[in-house]
């Protein structure tokens, strides 16, 4: 994963983004979100911010073992804009 796709700025170098945290799996209750988080080698949900660009917050679904990005979503309150799988990564 050398590049991430920003919905406002397009594909950008990874150095423009900052990793914030790994998110719990969808459907996890409050206890699981804090104490029982499972980090899988094939799937990770993460928050990233485009700090050296538009400063947008992104939810990135990626495979941490090989770095491929499956999906990028713009975090915008309760509404999240999903971006196409094909436009989210640069396989390098």
N, C-alpha and C. Protein backbone atom coordinates (compact mmCIF):
# COMPACT_ATOMS: atom_id res chain seq x y z
N UNK A 1 0.86 -1.17 0.00
CA UNK A 1 0.00 0.00 0.00
C UNK A 1 0.90 1.23 0.00
N UNK A 2 1.13 1.79 -1.17
CA UNK A 2 1.94 2.99 -1.29
C UNK A 2 1.09 4.23 -1.49
N UNK A 3 -0.17 4.02 -1.87
CA UNK A 3 -1.07 5.15 -2.13
C UNK A 3 -2.44 4.86 -1.55
N UNK A 4 -3.13 5.93 -1.16
CA UNK A 4 -4.54 5.84 -0.76
C UNK A 4 -5.33 6.76 -1.66
N UNK A 5 -6.58 6.43 -1.88
CA UNK A 5 -7.46 7.26 -2.69
C UNK A 5 -8.26 8.19 -1.78
N UNK A 6 -8.09 9.48 -1.98
CA UNK A 6 -8.89 10.48 -1.26
C UNK A 6 -10.07 10.87 -2.15
N UNK A 7 -11.29 10.90 -1.62
CA UNK A 7 -12.45 11.23 -2.45
C UNK A 7 -12.42 12.66 -2.99
N UNK A 8 -11.66 13.54 -2.35
CA UNK A 8 -11.57 14.92 -2.81
C UNK A 8 -10.34 15.19 -3.67
N UNK A 9 -9.22 14.55 -3.33
CA UNK A 9 -7.94 14.86 -3.98
C UNK A 9 -7.47 13.78 -4.95
N UNK A 10 -8.12 12.62 -4.96
CA UNK A 10 -7.71 11.53 -5.83
C UNK A 10 -6.61 10.69 -5.19
N UNK A 11 -5.93 9.84 -5.98
CA UNK A 11 -4.87 8.99 -5.44
C UNK A 11 -3.70 9.84 -4.94
N UNK A 12 -3.25 9.54 -3.73
CA UNK A 12 -2.15 10.31 -3.11
C UNK A 12 -1.16 9.36 -2.45
N UNK A 13 0.05 9.83 -2.27
CA UNK A 13 1.09 9.05 -1.60
C UNK A 13 0.69 8.83 -0.14
N UNK A 14 1.07 7.70 0.41
CA UNK A 14 0.72 7.33 1.77
C UNK A 14 1.26 8.32 2.80
N UNK A 15 2.36 8.99 2.50
CA UNK A 15 2.96 9.94 3.43
C UNK A 15 2.03 11.13 3.73
N UNK A 16 1.03 11.38 2.87
CA UNK A 16 0.10 12.48 3.09
C UNK A 16 -0.97 12.15 4.13
N UNK A 17 -1.07 10.87 4.51
CA UNK A 17 -2.11 10.42 5.42
C UNK A 17 -1.53 10.03 6.77
N UNK A 18 -2.37 10.06 7.80
CA UNK A 18 -1.96 9.62 9.13
C UNK A 18 -2.96 8.57 9.62
N UNK A 19 -2.41 7.44 10.05
CA UNK A 19 -3.23 6.38 10.64
C UNK A 19 -3.68 6.84 12.01
N UNK A 20 -4.97 6.64 12.32
CA UNK A 20 -5.48 7.03 13.63
C UNK A 20 -5.70 5.82 14.53
N UNK A 21 -6.53 4.86 14.09
CA UNK A 21 -6.79 3.68 14.93
C UNK A 21 -7.44 2.58 14.12
N UNK A 22 -7.37 1.36 14.68
CA UNK A 22 -8.07 0.21 14.12
C UNK A 22 -9.45 0.17 14.75
N UNK A 23 -10.47 -0.05 13.94
CA UNK A 23 -11.85 -0.08 14.42
C UNK A 23 -12.30 -1.50 14.71
N UNK A 24 -13.27 -1.63 15.59
CA UNK A 24 -13.85 -2.94 15.89
C UNK A 24 -14.66 -3.41 14.69
N UNK A 25 -14.88 -4.70 14.63
CA UNK A 25 -15.68 -5.26 13.54
C UNK A 25 -17.12 -4.76 13.63
N UNK A 26 -17.80 -4.62 12.50
CA UNK A 26 -19.20 -4.19 12.53
C UNK A 26 -20.05 -5.14 13.37
N UNK A 27 -20.95 -4.59 14.14
CA UNK A 27 -21.84 -5.39 14.98
C UNK A 27 -21.30 -5.69 16.36
N UNK A 28 -20.09 -5.22 16.67
CA UNK A 28 -19.52 -5.47 18.00
C UNK A 28 -20.21 -4.59 19.04
N UNK A 29 -20.41 -5.15 20.24
CA UNK A 29 -21.01 -4.35 21.30
C UNK A 29 -19.92 -3.48 21.96
N UNK A 30 -20.31 -2.65 22.91
CA UNK A 30 -19.38 -1.70 23.53
C UNK A 30 -18.20 -2.40 24.20
N UNK A 31 -18.44 -3.49 24.88
CA UNK A 31 -17.36 -4.24 25.53
C UNK A 31 -16.35 -4.75 24.50
N UNK A 32 -16.86 -5.35 23.42
CA UNK A 32 -15.98 -5.90 22.38
C UNK A 32 -15.18 -4.81 21.69
N UNK A 33 -15.77 -3.63 21.52
CA UNK A 33 -15.06 -2.54 20.86
C UNK A 33 -13.81 -2.12 21.64
N UNK A 34 -13.86 -2.22 22.96
CA UNK A 34 -12.73 -1.77 23.78
C UNK A 34 -11.81 -2.92 24.18
N UNK A 35 -12.38 -4.04 24.64
CA UNK A 35 -11.57 -5.08 25.27
C UNK A 35 -11.35 -6.34 24.44
N UNK A 36 -12.24 -6.67 23.55
CA UNK A 36 -12.14 -7.95 22.86
C UNK A 36 -11.88 -7.78 21.37
N UNK A 37 -11.22 -6.72 20.99
CA UNK A 37 -10.96 -6.48 19.57
C UNK A 37 -10.02 -7.55 19.02
N UNK A 38 -10.40 -8.12 17.90
CA UNK A 38 -9.58 -9.14 17.25
C UNK A 38 -8.97 -8.52 16.00
N UNK A 39 -7.66 -8.55 15.94
CA UNK A 39 -6.96 -8.07 14.76
C UNK A 39 -6.69 -9.26 13.85
N UNK A 40 -7.37 -9.28 12.73
CA UNK A 40 -7.21 -10.38 11.79
C UNK A 40 -6.14 -10.03 10.76
N UNK A 41 -5.35 -10.99 10.35
CA UNK A 41 -4.30 -10.70 9.38
C UNK A 41 -4.83 -10.44 7.97
N UNK A 42 -6.10 -10.79 7.71
CA UNK A 42 -6.64 -10.63 6.36
C UNK A 42 -7.67 -9.52 6.23
N UNK A 43 -8.07 -8.88 7.33
CA UNK A 43 -9.09 -7.83 7.26
C UNK A 43 -8.89 -6.84 8.40
N UNK A 44 -8.92 -5.57 8.06
CA UNK A 44 -8.77 -4.53 9.07
C UNK A 44 -9.61 -3.33 8.67
N UNK A 45 -10.36 -2.78 9.63
CA UNK A 45 -11.08 -1.52 9.44
C UNK A 45 -10.31 -0.45 10.21
N UNK A 46 -9.96 0.64 9.54
CA UNK A 46 -9.10 1.64 10.16
C UNK A 46 -9.58 3.05 9.86
N UNK A 47 -9.27 3.97 10.76
CA UNK A 47 -9.48 5.40 10.53
C UNK A 47 -8.17 6.03 10.11
N UNK A 48 -8.20 6.77 9.02
CA UNK A 48 -7.05 7.52 8.52
C UNK A 48 -7.49 8.96 8.28
N UNK A 49 -6.54 9.89 8.33
CA UNK A 49 -6.84 11.29 8.00
C UNK A 49 -5.86 11.78 6.95
N UNK A 50 -6.37 12.53 5.98
CA UNK A 50 -5.54 13.13 4.94
C UNK A 50 -4.97 14.44 5.48
N UNK A 51 -3.93 14.33 6.31
CA UNK A 51 -3.41 15.48 7.04
C UNK A 51 -2.65 16.48 6.17
N UNK A 52 -2.03 16.02 5.10
CA UNK A 52 -1.28 16.93 4.23
C UNK A 52 -2.04 17.19 2.94
N UNK A 53 -3.34 17.32 3.07
CA UNK A 53 -4.22 17.57 1.93
C UNK A 53 -5.48 18.24 2.41
N UNK A 54 -6.61 17.64 2.13
CA UNK A 54 -7.91 18.24 2.45
C UNK A 54 -8.34 17.99 3.89
N UNK A 55 -7.60 17.20 4.66
CA UNK A 55 -7.85 16.89 6.06
C UNK A 55 -9.10 16.02 6.28
N UNK A 56 -9.57 15.36 5.23
CA UNK A 56 -10.74 14.48 5.34
C UNK A 56 -10.41 13.26 6.19
N UNK A 57 -11.43 12.77 6.91
CA UNK A 57 -11.31 11.53 7.68
C UNK A 57 -11.85 10.40 6.81
N UNK A 58 -11.12 9.28 6.78
CA UNK A 58 -11.48 8.15 5.95
C UNK A 58 -11.57 6.87 6.77
N UNK A 59 -12.48 6.00 6.40
CA UNK A 59 -12.55 4.66 6.97
C UNK A 59 -12.04 3.72 5.89
N UNK A 60 -10.93 3.07 6.18
CA UNK A 60 -10.24 2.23 5.20
C UNK A 60 -10.40 0.76 5.58
N UNK A 61 -10.88 -0.03 4.63
CA UNK A 61 -11.00 -1.48 4.81
C UNK A 61 -9.88 -2.09 3.98
N UNK A 62 -8.91 -2.72 4.67
CA UNK A 62 -7.74 -3.23 3.94
C UNK A 62 -7.26 -4.56 4.50
N UNK A 63 -6.42 -5.21 3.72
CA UNK A 63 -5.76 -6.44 4.12
C UNK A 63 -4.37 -6.06 4.61
N UNK A 64 -4.11 -6.09 5.93
CA UNK A 64 -2.81 -5.65 6.44
C UNK A 64 -1.65 -6.58 6.09
N UNK A 65 -1.93 -7.84 5.75
CA UNK A 65 -0.83 -8.75 5.44
C UNK A 65 -0.18 -8.45 4.10
N UNK A 66 -0.94 -7.95 3.13
CA UNK A 66 -0.32 -7.60 1.85
C UNK A 66 -0.53 -6.14 1.46
N UNK A 67 -1.27 -5.38 2.26
CA UNK A 67 -1.42 -3.95 2.04
C UNK A 67 -2.46 -3.54 1.02
N UNK A 68 -3.22 -4.46 0.48
CA UNK A 68 -4.23 -4.08 -0.51
C UNK A 68 -5.43 -3.44 0.18
N UNK A 69 -5.89 -2.36 -0.42
CA UNK A 69 -7.05 -1.63 0.10
C UNK A 69 -8.28 -2.13 -0.63
N UNK A 70 -9.27 -2.56 0.13
CA UNK A 70 -10.52 -3.08 -0.46
C UNK A 70 -11.56 -1.99 -0.66
N UNK A 71 -11.59 -1.03 0.28
CA UNK A 71 -12.62 0.01 0.20
C UNK A 71 -12.18 1.21 1.03
N UNK A 72 -12.54 2.39 0.54
CA UNK A 72 -12.32 3.63 1.29
C UNK A 72 -13.66 4.33 1.39
N UNK A 73 -14.02 4.74 2.60
CA UNK A 73 -15.27 5.49 2.82
C UNK A 73 -14.94 6.81 3.47
N UNK A 74 -15.59 7.83 3.02
CA UNK A 74 -15.48 9.14 3.64
C UNK A 74 -16.31 9.14 4.90
N UNK A 75 -15.73 9.48 6.03
CA UNK A 75 -16.46 9.55 7.28
C UNK A 75 -17.09 10.93 7.36
N UNK A 76 -18.42 10.96 7.35
CA UNK A 76 -19.15 12.23 7.39
C UNK A 76 -20.38 12.07 8.26
N UNK A 77 -20.18 12.09 9.58
CA UNK A 77 -21.30 11.90 10.49
C UNK A 77 -21.89 10.52 10.32
N UNK A 78 -23.20 10.44 10.19
CA UNK A 78 -23.84 9.14 10.02
C UNK A 78 -23.85 8.71 8.56
N UNK A 79 -23.60 9.64 7.64
CA UNK A 79 -23.56 9.32 6.22
C UNK A 79 -22.12 9.08 5.80
N UNK A 80 -21.90 7.99 5.10
CA UNK A 80 -20.57 7.69 4.59
C UNK A 80 -20.69 7.42 3.10
N UNK A 81 -19.86 8.08 2.32
CA UNK A 81 -19.87 7.87 0.89
C UNK A 81 -18.90 6.74 0.55
N UNK A 82 -19.40 5.70 -0.05
CA UNK A 82 -18.55 4.57 -0.42
C UNK A 82 -17.92 4.82 -1.77
N UNK A 83 -16.68 4.40 -1.90
CA UNK A 83 -15.97 4.54 -3.15
C UNK A 83 -15.73 3.16 -3.75
N UNK A 84 -15.64 3.10 -5.03
CA UNK A 84 -15.46 1.85 -5.74
C UNK A 84 -14.21 1.12 -5.31
N UNK A 85 -14.29 -0.21 -5.25
CA UNK A 85 -13.15 -1.04 -4.88
C UNK A 85 -11.98 -0.80 -5.84
N UNK A 86 -12.27 -0.67 -7.14
CA UNK A 86 -11.22 -0.53 -8.13
C UNK A 86 -10.50 0.79 -8.04
N UNK A 87 -11.10 1.81 -7.47
CA UNK A 87 -10.47 3.12 -7.43
C UNK A 87 -9.81 3.42 -6.10
N UNK A 88 -9.73 2.41 -5.20
CA UNK A 88 -9.23 2.69 -3.86
C UNK A 88 -7.77 2.39 -3.65
N UNK A 89 -7.14 1.68 -4.56
CA UNK A 89 -5.74 1.34 -4.30
C UNK A 89 -4.89 1.31 -5.55
N UNK A 90 -3.62 1.39 -5.31
CA UNK A 90 -2.62 1.28 -6.35
C UNK A 90 -1.78 0.08 -5.99
N UNK A 91 -2.00 -1.08 -6.62
CA UNK A 91 -1.25 -2.27 -6.21
C UNK A 91 0.24 -2.12 -6.52
N UNK A 92 1.00 -1.93 -5.48
CA UNK A 92 2.44 -1.75 -5.67
C UNK A 92 3.21 -2.63 -4.73
